[in-house]
Amino acid sequence: MRFINLTFNYKQLGKGLFFLFIAYFTYLMWLITIQYIPINLKAAFLQIKQNEIKRLHYQIAFFTHVYTSIFVLILGLFQFSDCIRIRFVKFHRTAGKVYVALVLGLAGPSGLIMGYYANGGWFTQISFCLLAIFWIWFTYLAYKHIRKGQVQKHKNFMLRSYALTLSAISLRLFKWLIVIVFELPPMDTYYIVAWAGWLVNLGIAEIIIFSQLSLLNNAKTKVNI
């Protein structure tokens, strides 16, 4: 009798589940985005921003951010697919360039303007403004390093950049969890998620980068031995 050995690649399984998880929440973000199509100054979130939405520059920033961020979310997800990166190099590079252009030229700057007008006063305004600044900066560094052929540094900063992109999802997820578990008042919840929504993501990104660096160093050590 012939026995078949089934070996599971847990790393690939984990990546696949993560891809499905982010894809699902990206779909939910798309459902949020289409609430603002066509332009409606009283739709959804804007119902509590009626003072700010009267300002033309806020209108431009808000709809620019909403209409571009969903594509940044989608494009960034494809950047971390090994299959696409290896088999479809041209698509990977083109998608990466569009991702960078959208973050640096549209989504990032508009997010900074929105951060200045964030609810909750200076405590949350500082958080969202820092989020936008780091998002722009990390994305720029990712582009800068790949232009110099520094692939590992490029990967590290793209991971940091996309971690901040995912704050659009994690902020809402943490808000839901905090409301369910702790039943805090809405404003207290908002204070927490304003910071946790992106700091937790960035912390996870740094752990992944550190782990990958450790593996590379261990591999080099074994080769030298």
N, C-alpha and C. Protein backbone atom coordinates (compact mmCIF):
# COMPACT_ATOMS: atom_id res chain seq x y z
N MET A 1 0.85 -1.20 0.00
CA MET A 1 0.00 0.00 0.00
C MET A 1 0.88 1.24 0.00
N ARG A 2 0.55 2.16 -0.85
CA ARG A 2 1.33 3.39 -0.96
C ARG A 2 0.72 4.46 -0.05
N PHE A 3 1.57 5.00 0.80
CA PHE A 3 1.11 6.06 1.70
C PHE A 3 1.51 7.41 1.14
N ILE A 4 0.62 8.34 1.25
CA ILE A 4 0.89 9.68 0.74
C ILE A 4 1.22 10.60 1.91
N ASN A 5 2.37 11.20 1.85
CA ASN A 5 2.77 12.15 2.89
C ASN A 5 2.18 13.52 2.59
N LEU A 6 1.39 14.03 3.49
CA LEU A 6 0.82 15.37 3.31
C LEU A 6 1.54 16.32 4.26
N THR A 7 2.26 17.25 3.71
CA THR A 7 2.96 18.24 4.53
C THR A 7 2.34 19.59 4.29
N PHE A 8 2.09 20.28 5.36
CA PHE A 8 1.44 21.58 5.26
C PHE A 8 2.46 22.69 5.43
N ASN A 9 2.39 23.65 4.54
CA ASN A 9 3.23 24.83 4.66
C ASN A 9 2.45 25.86 5.47
N TYR A 10 2.72 25.88 6.76
CA TYR A 10 1.94 26.75 7.65
C TYR A 10 2.16 28.22 7.34
N LYS A 11 3.33 28.55 6.83
CA LYS A 11 3.61 29.94 6.48
C LYS A 11 2.70 30.39 5.34
N GLN A 12 2.59 29.56 4.31
CA GLN A 12 1.72 29.88 3.18
C GLN A 12 0.25 29.88 3.59
N LEU A 13 -0.12 28.95 4.49
CA LEU A 13 -1.49 28.90 4.98
C LEU A 13 -1.82 30.19 5.73
N GLY A 14 -0.87 30.63 6.56
CA GLY A 14 -1.08 31.86 7.31
C GLY A 14 -1.24 33.06 6.39
N LYS A 15 -0.40 33.12 5.34
CA LYS A 15 -0.50 34.22 4.38
C LYS A 15 -1.85 34.19 3.65
N GLY A 16 -2.28 32.97 3.32
CA GLY A 16 -3.56 32.84 2.61
C GLY A 16 -4.73 33.30 3.46
N LEU A 17 -4.72 32.92 4.73
CA LEU A 17 -5.79 33.33 5.64
C LEU A 17 -5.76 34.84 5.87
N PHE A 18 -4.54 35.39 5.98
CA PHE A 18 -4.40 36.83 6.16
C PHE A 18 -4.94 37.57 4.94
N PHE A 19 -4.63 37.05 3.75
CA PHE A 19 -5.11 37.66 2.50
C PHE A 19 -6.64 37.67 2.47
N LEU A 20 -7.24 36.55 2.84
CA LEU A 20 -8.71 36.46 2.85
C LEU A 20 -9.31 37.41 3.89
N PHE A 21 -8.66 37.50 5.04
CA PHE A 21 -9.12 38.38 6.11
C PHE A 21 -9.13 39.83 5.65
N ILE A 22 -8.01 40.26 5.06
CA ILE A 22 -7.90 41.65 4.59
C ILE A 22 -8.82 41.88 3.40
N ALA A 23 -8.94 40.90 2.53
CA ALA A 23 -9.84 41.03 1.37
C ALA A 23 -11.28 41.23 1.82
N TYR A 24 -11.69 40.50 2.84
CA TYR A 24 -13.06 40.63 3.35
C TYR A 24 -13.29 42.02 3.92
N PHE A 25 -12.36 42.50 4.74
CA PHE A 25 -12.53 43.82 5.34
C PHE A 25 -12.36 44.94 4.30
N THR A 26 -11.59 44.67 3.26
CA THR A 26 -11.49 45.64 2.16
C THR A 26 -12.84 45.76 1.46
N TYR A 27 -13.53 44.64 1.32
CA TYR A 27 -14.88 44.66 0.75
C TYR A 27 -15.82 45.49 1.62
N LEU A 28 -15.70 45.35 2.95
CA LEU A 28 -16.52 46.15 3.86
C LEU A 28 -16.19 47.63 3.73
N MET A 29 -14.89 47.94 3.53
CA MET A 29 -14.49 49.33 3.33
C MET A 29 -15.06 49.86 2.03
N TRP A 30 -15.15 49.01 1.01
CA TRP A 30 -15.75 49.42 -0.26
C TRP A 30 -17.21 49.79 -0.06
N LEU A 31 -17.91 49.02 0.77
CA LEU A 31 -19.31 49.32 1.05
C LEU A 31 -19.45 50.68 1.74
N ILE A 32 -18.48 51.01 2.58
CA ILE A 32 -18.48 52.33 3.23
C ILE A 32 -18.21 53.42 2.20
N THR A 33 -17.27 53.15 1.30
CA THR A 33 -16.88 54.14 0.29
C THR A 33 -18.03 54.52 -0.62
N ILE A 34 -18.79 53.53 -1.06
CA ILE A 34 -19.85 53.81 -2.04
C ILE A 34 -21.01 54.60 -1.44
N GLN A 35 -21.01 54.76 -0.10
CA GLN A 35 -22.03 55.62 0.51
C GLN A 35 -21.85 57.08 0.09
N TYR A 36 -20.62 57.40 -0.34
CA TYR A 36 -20.30 58.78 -0.72
C TYR A 36 -20.32 58.98 -2.23
N ILE A 37 -20.89 58.01 -2.95
CA ILE A 37 -21.02 58.11 -4.40
C ILE A 37 -22.50 58.08 -4.76
N PRO A 38 -23.05 59.10 -5.42
CA PRO A 38 -22.38 60.37 -5.76
C PRO A 38 -22.12 61.21 -4.51
N ILE A 39 -21.44 62.31 -4.69
CA ILE A 39 -21.08 63.17 -3.56
C ILE A 39 -22.32 63.62 -2.80
N ASN A 40 -22.29 63.34 -1.50
CA ASN A 40 -23.40 63.71 -0.62
C ASN A 40 -22.79 64.27 0.66
N LEU A 41 -23.03 65.55 0.93
CA LEU A 41 -22.41 66.22 2.07
C LEU A 41 -23.05 65.87 3.40
N LYS A 42 -24.07 65.01 3.37
CA LYS A 42 -24.72 64.61 4.63
C LYS A 42 -24.74 63.10 4.81
N ALA A 43 -23.92 62.40 4.04
CA ALA A 43 -23.91 60.94 4.10
C ALA A 43 -23.06 60.43 5.25
N ALA A 44 -23.54 59.38 5.91
CA ALA A 44 -22.78 58.62 6.91
C ALA A 44 -21.98 59.50 7.88
N PHE A 45 -20.66 59.35 7.89
CA PHE A 45 -19.77 60.06 8.82
C PHE A 45 -19.94 61.58 8.76
N LEU A 46 -20.29 62.10 7.60
CA LEU A 46 -20.39 63.55 7.43
C LEU A 46 -21.55 64.16 8.20
N GLN A 47 -22.43 63.33 8.70
CA GLN A 47 -23.54 63.84 9.50
C GLN A 47 -23.04 64.51 10.78
N ILE A 48 -21.88 64.06 11.29
CA ILE A 48 -21.32 64.67 12.50
C ILE A 48 -20.17 65.64 12.16
N LYS A 49 -20.00 65.96 10.87
CA LYS A 49 -18.95 66.88 10.45
C LYS A 49 -19.53 68.05 9.67
N GLN A 50 -20.73 68.47 10.02
CA GLN A 50 -21.42 69.51 9.25
C GLN A 50 -20.73 70.87 9.35
N ASN A 51 -20.05 71.15 10.44
CA ASN A 51 -19.30 72.41 10.55
C ASN A 51 -18.08 72.39 9.64
N GLU A 52 -17.38 71.27 9.62
CA GLU A 52 -16.16 71.16 8.82
C GLU A 52 -16.46 71.07 7.32
N ILE A 53 -17.52 70.36 6.97
CA ILE A 53 -17.80 70.12 5.55
C ILE A 53 -18.23 71.39 4.83
N LYS A 54 -18.52 72.44 5.58
CA LYS A 54 -18.84 73.73 4.95
C LYS A 54 -17.60 74.36 4.32
N ARG A 55 -16.44 73.94 4.78
CA ARG A 55 -15.18 74.47 4.25
C ARG A 55 -14.83 73.73 2.95
N LEU A 56 -14.56 74.46 1.90
CA LEU A 56 -14.28 73.85 0.60
C LEU A 56 -13.05 72.95 0.66
N HIS A 57 -11.99 73.38 1.35
CA HIS A 57 -10.76 72.58 1.39
C HIS A 57 -10.99 71.26 2.14
N TYR A 58 -11.89 71.27 3.12
CA TYR A 58 -12.20 70.02 3.82
C TYR A 58 -13.00 69.09 2.91
N GLN A 59 -13.92 69.65 2.15
CA GLN A 59 -14.68 68.83 1.20
C GLN A 59 -13.74 68.13 0.22
N ILE A 60 -12.81 68.91 -0.32
CA ILE A 60 -11.86 68.35 -1.30
C ILE A 60 -11.01 67.27 -0.64
N ALA A 61 -10.51 67.56 0.57
CA ALA A 61 -9.66 66.60 1.27
C ALA A 61 -10.43 65.33 1.61
N PHE A 62 -11.65 65.49 2.10
CA PHE A 62 -12.44 64.32 2.52
C PHE A 62 -12.71 63.38 1.35
N PHE A 63 -13.26 63.92 0.27
CA PHE A 63 -13.64 63.05 -0.84
C PHE A 63 -12.41 62.52 -1.59
N THR A 64 -11.33 63.30 -1.61
CA THR A 64 -10.08 62.79 -2.19
C THR A 64 -9.59 61.60 -1.39
N HIS A 65 -9.62 61.73 -0.07
CA HIS A 65 -9.14 60.66 0.80
C HIS A 65 -10.01 59.41 0.67
N VAL A 66 -11.31 59.59 0.68
CA VAL A 66 -12.24 58.46 0.60
C VAL A 66 -12.12 57.74 -0.74
N TYR A 67 -12.05 58.50 -1.82
CA TYR A 67 -12.05 57.89 -3.16
C TYR A 67 -10.71 57.24 -3.52
N THR A 68 -9.62 57.68 -2.91
CA THR A 68 -8.31 57.11 -3.26
C THR A 68 -7.85 56.04 -2.29
N SER A 69 -8.22 56.16 -1.01
CA SER A 69 -7.71 55.22 0.00
C SER A 69 -8.15 53.79 -0.25
N ILE A 70 -9.34 53.60 -0.80
CA ILE A 70 -9.81 52.25 -1.07
C ILE A 70 -8.93 51.56 -2.10
N PHE A 71 -8.43 52.32 -3.07
CA PHE A 71 -7.53 51.75 -4.09
C PHE A 71 -6.14 51.49 -3.51
N VAL A 72 -5.71 52.34 -2.59
CA VAL A 72 -4.43 52.11 -1.90
C VAL A 72 -4.51 50.81 -1.11
N LEU A 73 -5.63 50.59 -0.46
CA LEU A 73 -5.84 49.37 0.32
C LEU A 73 -5.75 48.13 -0.56
N ILE A 74 -6.40 48.19 -1.72
CA ILE A 74 -6.41 47.04 -2.64
C ILE A 74 -5.04 46.81 -3.26
N LEU A 75 -4.41 47.88 -3.76
CA LEU A 75 -3.10 47.76 -4.41
C LEU A 75 -2.04 47.26 -3.44
N GLY A 76 -2.10 47.74 -2.21
CA GLY A 76 -1.12 47.32 -1.21
C GLY A 76 -1.21 45.84 -0.92
N LEU A 77 -2.40 45.30 -0.91
CA LEU A 77 -2.59 43.87 -0.64
C LEU A 77 -1.88 43.03 -1.70
N PHE A 78 -1.99 43.44 -2.95
CA PHE A 78 -1.34 42.68 -4.03
C PHE A 78 0.19 42.78 -3.98
N GLN A 79 0.70 43.82 -3.37
CA GLN A 79 2.16 43.98 -3.28
C GLN A 79 2.82 42.90 -2.44
N PHE A 80 2.04 42.28 -1.56
CA PHE A 80 2.61 41.27 -0.65
C PHE A 80 2.30 39.85 -1.08
N SER A 81 1.82 39.69 -2.29
CA SER A 81 1.58 38.36 -2.84
C SER A 81 2.85 37.85 -3.52
N ASP A 82 3.41 36.75 -3.01
CA ASP A 82 4.63 36.18 -3.61
C ASP A 82 4.37 35.76 -5.05
N CYS A 83 3.20 35.23 -5.31
CA CYS A 83 2.86 34.77 -6.67
C CYS A 83 2.91 35.93 -7.66
N ILE A 84 2.28 37.03 -7.30
CA ILE A 84 2.25 38.20 -8.20
C ILE A 84 3.63 38.81 -8.35
N ARG A 85 4.35 38.91 -7.23
CA ARG A 85 5.67 39.54 -7.27
C ARG A 85 6.66 38.77 -8.13
N ILE A 86 6.53 37.43 -8.13
CA ILE A 86 7.47 36.60 -8.87
C ILE A 86 7.03 36.35 -10.32
N ARG A 87 5.73 36.07 -10.50
CA ARG A 87 5.24 35.70 -11.83
C ARG A 87 4.78 36.88 -12.67
N PHE A 88 4.35 37.91 -12.01
CA PHE A 88 3.83 39.07 -12.74
C PHE A 88 4.58 40.32 -12.29
N VAL A 89 5.85 40.35 -12.64
CA VAL A 89 6.74 41.41 -12.18
C VAL A 89 6.28 42.79 -12.65
N LYS A 90 5.86 42.88 -13.90
CA LYS A 90 5.43 44.17 -14.45
C LYS A 90 4.22 44.71 -13.70
N PHE A 91 3.26 43.82 -13.41
CA PHE A 91 2.08 44.25 -12.66
C PHE A 91 2.46 44.69 -11.26
N HIS A 92 3.36 43.95 -10.63
CA HIS A 92 3.82 44.29 -9.28
C HIS A 92 4.43 45.68 -9.25
N ARG A 93 5.26 45.97 -10.23
CA ARG A 93 5.93 47.27 -10.26
C ARG A 93 4.94 48.40 -10.57
N THR A 94 4.06 48.15 -11.52
CA THR A 94 3.07 49.18 -11.89
C THR A 94 2.13 49.47 -10.72
N ALA A 95 1.64 48.40 -10.08
CA ALA A 95 0.75 48.57 -8.93
C ALA A 95 1.47 49.30 -7.80
N GLY A 96 2.75 48.99 -7.63
CA GLY A 96 3.53 49.66 -6.59
C GLY A 96 3.69 51.15 -6.86
N LYS A 97 3.92 51.50 -8.12
CA LYS A 97 4.07 52.91 -8.48
C LYS A 97 2.76 53.67 -8.27
N VAL A 98 1.65 53.04 -8.63
CA VAL A 98 0.35 53.68 -8.43
C VAL A 98 0.08 53.85 -6.93
N TYR A 99 0.41 52.83 -6.15
CA TYR A 99 0.26 52.89 -4.69
C TYR A 99 1.02 54.08 -4.12
N VAL A 100 2.27 54.20 -4.52
CA VAL A 100 3.12 55.30 -4.03
C VAL A 100 2.55 56.65 -4.47
N ALA A 101 2.16 56.75 -5.73
CA ALA A 101 1.63 58.02 -6.25
C ALA A 101 0.36 58.44 -5.51
N LEU A 102 -0.51 57.47 -5.23
CA LEU A 102 -1.76 57.79 -4.53
C LEU A 102 -1.51 58.24 -3.10
N VAL A 103 -0.60 57.54 -2.40
CA VAL A 103 -0.32 57.90 -1.01
C VAL A 103 0.37 59.26 -0.93
N LEU A 104 1.41 59.45 -1.73
CA LEU A 104 2.20 60.69 -1.65
C LEU A 104 1.44 61.89 -2.21
N GLY A 105 0.66 61.67 -3.27
CA GLY A 105 0.03 62.80 -3.94
C GLY A 105 -1.38 63.12 -3.51
N LEU A 106 -2.12 62.10 -3.02
CA LEU A 106 -3.54 62.32 -2.75
C LEU A 106 -3.98 61.84 -1.36
N ALA A 107 -3.92 60.55 -1.13
CA ALA A 107 -4.47 59.98 0.11
C ALA A 107 -3.76 60.49 1.36
N GLY A 108 -2.42 60.57 1.32
CA GLY A 108 -1.67 61.03 2.48
C GLY A 108 -1.91 62.49 2.84
N PRO A 109 -1.68 63.42 1.90
CA PRO A 109 -1.93 64.84 2.19
C PRO A 109 -3.37 65.13 2.59
N SER A 110 -4.34 64.49 1.93
CA SER A 110 -5.74 64.72 2.29
C SER A 110 -6.04 64.16 3.68
N GLY A 111 -5.38 63.05 4.04
CA GLY A 111 -5.54 62.49 5.37
C GLY A 111 -4.98 63.42 6.44
N LEU A 112 -3.91 64.13 6.11
CA LEU A 112 -3.31 65.08 7.05
C LEU A 112 -4.27 66.24 7.33
N ILE A 113 -4.93 66.71 6.29
CA ILE A 113 -5.92 67.79 6.46
C ILE A 113 -7.09 67.29 7.31
N MET A 114 -7.55 66.08 7.04
CA MET A 114 -8.65 65.53 7.83
C MET A 114 -8.24 65.34 9.28
N GLY A 115 -6.98 64.94 9.49
CA GLY A 115 -6.48 64.75 10.85
C GLY A 115 -6.52 66.03 11.66
N TYR A 116 -6.26 67.15 11.00
CA TYR A 116 -6.29 68.45 11.67
C TYR A 116 -7.69 68.77 12.19
N TYR A 117 -8.71 68.27 11.51
CA TYR A 117 -10.09 68.53 11.90
C TYR A 117 -10.74 67.34 12.60
N ALA A 118 -9.94 66.40 13.10
CA ALA A 118 -10.49 65.20 13.73
C ALA A 118 -11.31 65.54 14.97
N ASN A 119 -12.31 64.74 15.23
CA ASN A 119 -13.11 64.90 16.45
C ASN A 119 -12.26 64.55 17.67
N GLY A 120 -12.62 65.12 18.82
CA GLY A 120 -11.93 64.76 20.05
C GLY A 120 -10.86 65.72 20.50
N GLY A 121 -10.63 66.80 19.75
CA GLY A 121 -9.64 67.78 20.19
C GLY A 121 -8.21 67.40 19.85
N TRP A 122 -7.27 68.07 20.50
CA TRP A 122 -5.85 67.93 20.14
C TRP A 122 -5.32 66.52 20.32
N PHE A 123 -5.87 65.75 21.28
CA PHE A 123 -5.37 64.40 21.56
C PHE A 123 -5.53 63.49 20.34
N THR A 124 -6.68 63.53 19.72
CA THR A 124 -6.90 62.70 18.53
C THR A 124 -6.35 63.37 17.27
N GLN A 125 -6.34 64.69 17.24
CA GLN A 125 -5.80 65.40 16.08
C GLN A 125 -4.32 65.09 15.89
N ILE A 126 -3.57 65.08 17.00
CA ILE A 126 -2.14 64.74 16.93
C ILE A 126 -1.96 63.33 16.39
N SER A 127 -2.78 62.41 16.88
CA SER A 127 -2.67 61.01 16.44
C SER A 127 -2.88 60.87 14.94
N PHE A 128 -3.97 61.41 14.43
CA PHE A 128 -4.28 61.26 13.01
C PHE A 128 -3.30 62.02 12.11
N CYS A 129 -2.80 63.15 12.60
CA CYS A 129 -1.80 63.88 11.82
C CYS A 129 -0.48 63.11 11.76
N LEU A 130 -0.08 62.51 12.90
CA LEU A 130 1.13 61.68 12.90
C LEU A 130 0.96 60.47 12.00
N LEU A 131 -0.21 59.88 12.02
CA LEU A 131 -0.50 58.75 11.14
C LEU A 131 -0.29 59.13 9.69
N ALA A 132 -0.82 60.27 9.27
CA ALA A 132 -0.67 60.72 7.89
C ALA A 132 0.78 61.01 7.53
N ILE A 133 1.50 61.65 8.46
CA ILE A 133 2.90 62.00 8.21
C ILE A 133 3.76 60.74 8.07
N PHE A 134 3.60 59.80 9.00
CA PHE A 134 4.37 58.55 8.93
C PHE A 134 4.00 57.75 7.69
N TRP A 135 2.73 57.76 7.32
CA TRP A 135 2.26 57.05 6.13
C TRP A 135 2.96 57.58 4.88
N ILE A 136 3.02 58.89 4.76
CA ILE A 136 3.70 59.52 3.63
C ILE A 136 5.19 59.22 3.66
N TRP A 137 5.80 59.36 4.83
CA TRP A 137 7.24 59.20 4.98
C TRP A 137 7.69 57.76 4.70
N PHE A 138 7.01 56.79 5.28
CA PHE A 138 7.38 55.39 5.06
C PHE A 138 7.19 54.99 3.60
N THR A 139 6.15 55.48 2.97
CA THR A 139 5.90 55.17 1.56
C THR A 139 6.99 55.77 0.68
N TYR A 140 7.39 56.99 1.00
CA TYR A 140 8.47 57.63 0.25
C TYR A 140 9.78 56.85 0.40
N LEU A 141 10.09 56.43 1.63
CA LEU A 141 11.32 55.68 1.86
C LEU A 141 11.30 54.33 1.15
N ALA A 142 10.13 53.69 1.10
CA ALA A 142 10.01 52.42 0.37
C ALA A 142 10.35 52.63 -1.11
N TYR A 143 9.83 53.71 -1.68
CA TYR A 143 10.10 54.02 -3.08
C TYR A 143 11.57 54.38 -3.28
N LYS A 144 12.11 55.18 -2.37
CA LYS A 144 13.50 55.61 -2.45
C LYS A 144 14.45 54.41 -2.43
N HIS A 145 14.20 53.45 -1.57
CA HIS A 145 15.11 52.31 -1.42
C HIS A 145 15.04 51.37 -2.62
N ILE A 146 13.85 51.18 -3.19
CA ILE A 146 13.77 50.30 -4.36
C ILE A 146 14.42 50.94 -5.56
N ARG A 147 14.39 52.25 -5.64
CA ARG A 147 15.09 52.96 -6.72
C ARG A 147 16.59 52.77 -6.62
N LYS A 148 17.08 52.57 -5.39
CA LYS A 148 18.51 52.33 -5.17
C LYS A 148 18.87 50.85 -5.21
N GLY A 149 17.85 50.00 -5.43
CA GLY A 149 18.10 48.57 -5.48
C GLY A 149 18.23 47.93 -4.11
N GLN A 150 17.82 48.62 -3.07
CA GLN A 150 17.91 48.10 -1.70
C GLN A 150 16.59 47.38 -1.38
N VAL A 151 16.50 46.15 -1.83
CA VAL A 151 15.24 45.40 -1.81
C VAL A 151 14.73 45.16 -0.40
N GLN A 152 15.61 44.72 0.51
CA GLN A 152 15.14 44.40 1.86
C GLN A 152 14.63 45.65 2.59
N LYS A 153 15.32 46.76 2.44
CA LYS A 153 14.85 48.00 3.06
C LYS A 153 13.53 48.45 2.44
N HIS A 154 13.41 48.23 1.13
CA HIS A 154 12.16 48.55 0.44
C HIS A 154 11.00 47.74 1.02
N LYS A 155 11.23 46.43 1.21
CA LYS A 155 10.20 45.56 1.77
C LYS A 155 9.80 46.00 3.17
N ASN A 156 10.81 46.35 3.98
CA ASN A 156 10.54 46.77 5.36
C ASN A 156 9.67 48.02 5.42
N PHE A 157 10.00 49.00 4.59
CA PHE A 157 9.23 50.24 4.63
C PHE A 157 7.86 50.10 3.95
N MET A 158 7.76 49.20 2.98
CA MET A 158 6.45 48.93 2.40
C MET A 158 5.54 48.25 3.42
N LEU A 159 6.15 47.37 4.23
CA LEU A 159 5.38 46.72 5.29
C LEU A 159 4.88 47.74 6.30
N ARG A 160 5.74 48.68 6.65
CA ARG A 160 5.34 49.74 7.58
C ARG A 160 4.24 50.61 6.96
N SER A 161 4.43 50.95 5.69
CA SER A 161 3.45 51.78 5.00
C SER A 161 2.09 51.10 4.95
N TYR A 162 2.08 49.81 4.57
CA TYR A 162 0.81 49.11 4.46
C TYR A 162 0.16 48.86 5.81
N ALA A 163 1.00 48.72 6.84
CA ALA A 163 0.46 48.59 8.20
C ALA A 163 -0.36 49.83 8.56
N LEU A 164 0.12 50.99 8.12
CA LEU A 164 -0.62 52.23 8.37
C LEU A 164 -1.83 52.34 7.45
N THR A 165 -1.72 51.82 6.25
CA THR A 165 -2.88 51.77 5.35
C THR A 165 -4.01 50.97 6.00
N LEU A 166 -3.64 49.88 6.65
CA LEU A 166 -4.62 49.00 7.28
C LEU A 166 -5.26 49.61 8.52
N SER A 167 -4.78 50.76 8.95
CA SER A 167 -5.39 51.42 10.11
C SER A 167 -6.86 51.77 9.82
N ALA A 168 -7.20 51.94 8.55
CA ALA A 168 -8.60 52.19 8.18
C ALA A 168 -9.48 51.03 8.62
N ILE A 169 -8.93 49.82 8.58
CA ILE A 169 -9.66 48.63 9.00
C ILE A 169 -9.54 48.43 10.50
N SER A 170 -8.30 48.46 11.02
CA SER A 170 -8.09 48.16 12.44
C SER A 170 -8.78 49.15 13.36
N LEU A 171 -8.85 50.42 12.96
CA LEU A 171 -9.53 51.42 13.78
C LEU A 171 -10.99 51.01 14.01
N ARG A 172 -11.64 50.60 12.95
CA ARG A 172 -13.05 50.20 13.06
C ARG A 172 -13.20 48.88 13.80
N LEU A 173 -12.24 47.96 13.60
CA LEU A 173 -12.29 46.68 14.28
C LEU A 173 -12.07 46.85 15.79
N PHE A 174 -11.09 47.66 16.17
CA PHE A 174 -10.84 47.91 17.59
C PHE A 174 -12.02 48.62 18.24
N LYS A 175 -12.61 49.54 17.50
CA LYS A 175 -13.78 50.25 18.03
C LYS A 175 -14.90 49.27 18.35
N TRP A 176 -15.14 48.34 17.45
CA TRP A 176 -16.18 47.34 17.65
C TRP A 176 -15.86 46.46 18.86
N LEU A 177 -14.59 46.02 18.97
CA LEU A 177 -14.18 45.14 20.07
C LEU A 177 -14.29 45.86 21.42
N ILE A 178 -13.85 47.10 21.47
CA ILE A 178 -13.90 47.85 22.73
C ILE A 178 -15.33 48.09 23.18
N VAL A 179 -16.19 48.42 22.23
CA VAL A 179 -17.60 48.65 22.57
C VAL A 179 -18.24 47.37 23.11
N ILE A 180 -17.92 46.23 22.48
CA ILE A 180 -18.51 44.95 22.88
C ILE A 180 -17.96 44.48 24.23
N VAL A 181 -16.64 44.58 24.41
CA VAL A 181 -16.00 44.01 25.60
C VAL A 181 -16.07 44.94 26.80
N PHE A 182 -15.75 46.22 26.59
CA PHE A 182 -15.61 47.14 27.73
C PHE A 182 -16.81 48.08 27.90
N GLU A 183 -17.59 48.23 26.87
CA GLU A 183 -18.77 49.10 26.92
C GLU A 183 -18.43 50.52 27.40
N LEU A 184 -17.37 51.07 26.85
CA LEU A 184 -16.95 52.42 27.21
C LEU A 184 -17.82 53.46 26.51
N PRO A 185 -17.87 54.67 27.05
CA PRO A 185 -18.57 55.76 26.36
C PRO A 185 -17.96 56.00 24.98
N PRO A 186 -18.74 56.46 24.01
CA PRO A 186 -18.26 56.63 22.63
C PRO A 186 -16.98 57.46 22.52
N MET A 187 -16.90 58.58 23.25
CA MET A 187 -15.73 59.44 23.12
C MET A 187 -14.48 58.80 23.71
N ASP A 188 -14.63 58.08 24.83
CA ASP A 188 -13.49 57.36 25.41
C ASP A 188 -12.98 56.29 24.45
N THR A 189 -13.91 55.60 23.82
CA THR A 189 -13.55 54.60 22.83
C THR A 189 -12.77 55.23 21.67
N TYR A 190 -13.23 56.39 21.23
CA TYR A 190 -12.60 57.09 20.11
C TYR A 190 -11.18 57.52 20.45
N TYR A 191 -10.96 57.98 21.69
CA TYR A 191 -9.62 58.36 22.13
C TYR A 191 -8.66 57.17 22.03
N ILE A 192 -9.14 56.00 22.41
CA ILE A 192 -8.29 54.80 22.40
C ILE A 192 -7.98 54.36 20.98
N VAL A 193 -9.03 54.22 20.16
CA VAL A 193 -8.82 53.69 18.81
C VAL A 193 -8.08 54.67 17.92
N ALA A 194 -8.14 55.96 18.23
CA ALA A 194 -7.40 56.95 17.43
C ALA A 194 -5.91 56.66 17.44
N TRP A 195 -5.41 56.14 18.55
CA TRP A 195 -3.99 55.78 18.66
C TRP A 195 -3.75 54.30 18.39
N ALA A 196 -4.58 53.44 19.00
CA ALA A 196 -4.39 52.00 18.84
C ALA A 196 -4.58 51.55 17.40
N GLY A 197 -5.45 52.26 16.67
CA GLY A 197 -5.76 51.87 15.29
C GLY A 197 -4.55 51.79 14.38
N TRP A 198 -3.50 52.58 14.70
CA TRP A 198 -2.31 52.51 13.85
C TRP A 198 -1.05 52.10 14.61
N LEU A 199 -0.97 52.38 15.92
CA LEU A 199 0.22 51.99 16.69
C LEU A 199 0.32 50.48 16.82
N VAL A 200 -0.80 49.79 17.02
CA VAL A 200 -0.78 48.33 17.10
C VAL A 200 -0.30 47.73 15.79
N ASN A 201 -0.82 48.24 14.67
CA ASN A 201 -0.40 47.76 13.35
C ASN A 201 1.09 47.96 13.13
N LEU A 202 1.57 49.13 13.49
CA LEU A 202 2.99 49.43 13.31
C LEU A 202 3.85 48.54 14.20
N GLY A 203 3.36 48.27 15.41
CA GLY A 203 4.09 47.37 16.32
C GLY A 203 4.20 45.98 15.75
N ILE A 204 3.12 45.48 15.16
CA ILE A 204 3.13 44.16 14.53
C ILE A 204 4.09 44.13 13.35
N ALA A 205 4.10 45.21 12.57
CA ALA A 205 5.02 45.31 11.43
C ALA A 205 6.46 45.25 11.90
N GLU A 206 6.78 45.93 13.00
CA GLU A 206 8.15 45.94 13.52
C GLU A 206 8.54 44.55 14.02
N ILE A 207 7.61 43.82 14.62
CA ILE A 207 7.88 42.46 15.08
C ILE A 207 8.19 41.55 13.88
N ILE A 208 7.41 41.70 12.81
CA ILE A 208 7.64 40.90 11.60
C ILE A 208 9.00 41.22 11.00
N ILE A 209 9.34 42.50 10.92
CA ILE A 209 10.63 42.92 10.36
C ILE A 209 11.78 42.38 11.20
N PHE A 210 11.64 42.47 12.53
CA PHE A 210 12.68 41.96 13.43
C PHE A 210 12.85 40.45 13.28
N SER A 211 11.73 39.74 13.14
CA SER A 211 11.78 38.29 12.99
C SER A 211 12.47 37.89 11.70
N GLN A 212 12.14 38.61 10.62
CA GLN A 212 12.75 38.33 9.33
C GLN A 212 14.24 38.62 9.35
N LEU A 213 14.62 39.70 10.03
CA LEU A 213 16.03 40.05 10.16
C LEU A 213 16.79 38.98 10.95
N SER A 214 16.17 38.46 12.00
CA SER A 214 16.79 37.41 12.81
C SER A 214 17.00 36.15 11.99
N LEU A 215 16.01 35.80 11.16
CA LEU A 215 16.14 34.62 10.31
C LEU A 215 17.27 34.78 9.30
N LEU A 216 17.38 35.98 8.72
CA LEU A 216 18.45 36.24 7.76
C LEU A 216 19.82 36.16 8.42
N ASN A 217 19.94 36.71 9.62
CA ASN A 217 21.21 36.67 10.35
C ASN A 217 21.59 35.24 10.73
N ASN A 218 20.59 34.45 11.13
CA ASN A 218 20.85 33.05 11.48
C ASN A 218 21.30 32.26 10.26
N ALA A 219 20.68 32.55 9.11
CA ALA A 219 21.05 31.86 7.87
C ALA A 219 22.48 32.21 7.47
N LYS A 220 22.85 33.48 7.62
CA LYS A 220 24.21 33.90 7.30
C LYS A 220 25.22 33.26 8.22
N THR A 221 24.86 33.14 9.49
CA THR A 221 25.75 32.52 10.48
C THR A 221 26.02 31.06 10.14
N LYS A 222 24.95 30.34 9.74
CA LYS A 222 25.11 28.93 9.39
C LYS A 222 25.99 28.75 8.16
N VAL A 223 25.84 29.67 7.20
CA VAL A 223 26.66 29.60 5.98
C VAL A 223 28.12 29.83 6.31
N ASN A 224 28.40 30.79 7.18
CA ASN A 224 29.78 31.10 7.57
C ASN A 224 30.41 29.95 8.34
N ILE A 225 29.59 29.25 9.15
CA ILE A 225 30.11 28.13 9.90
C ILE A 225 30.45 26.97 8.96
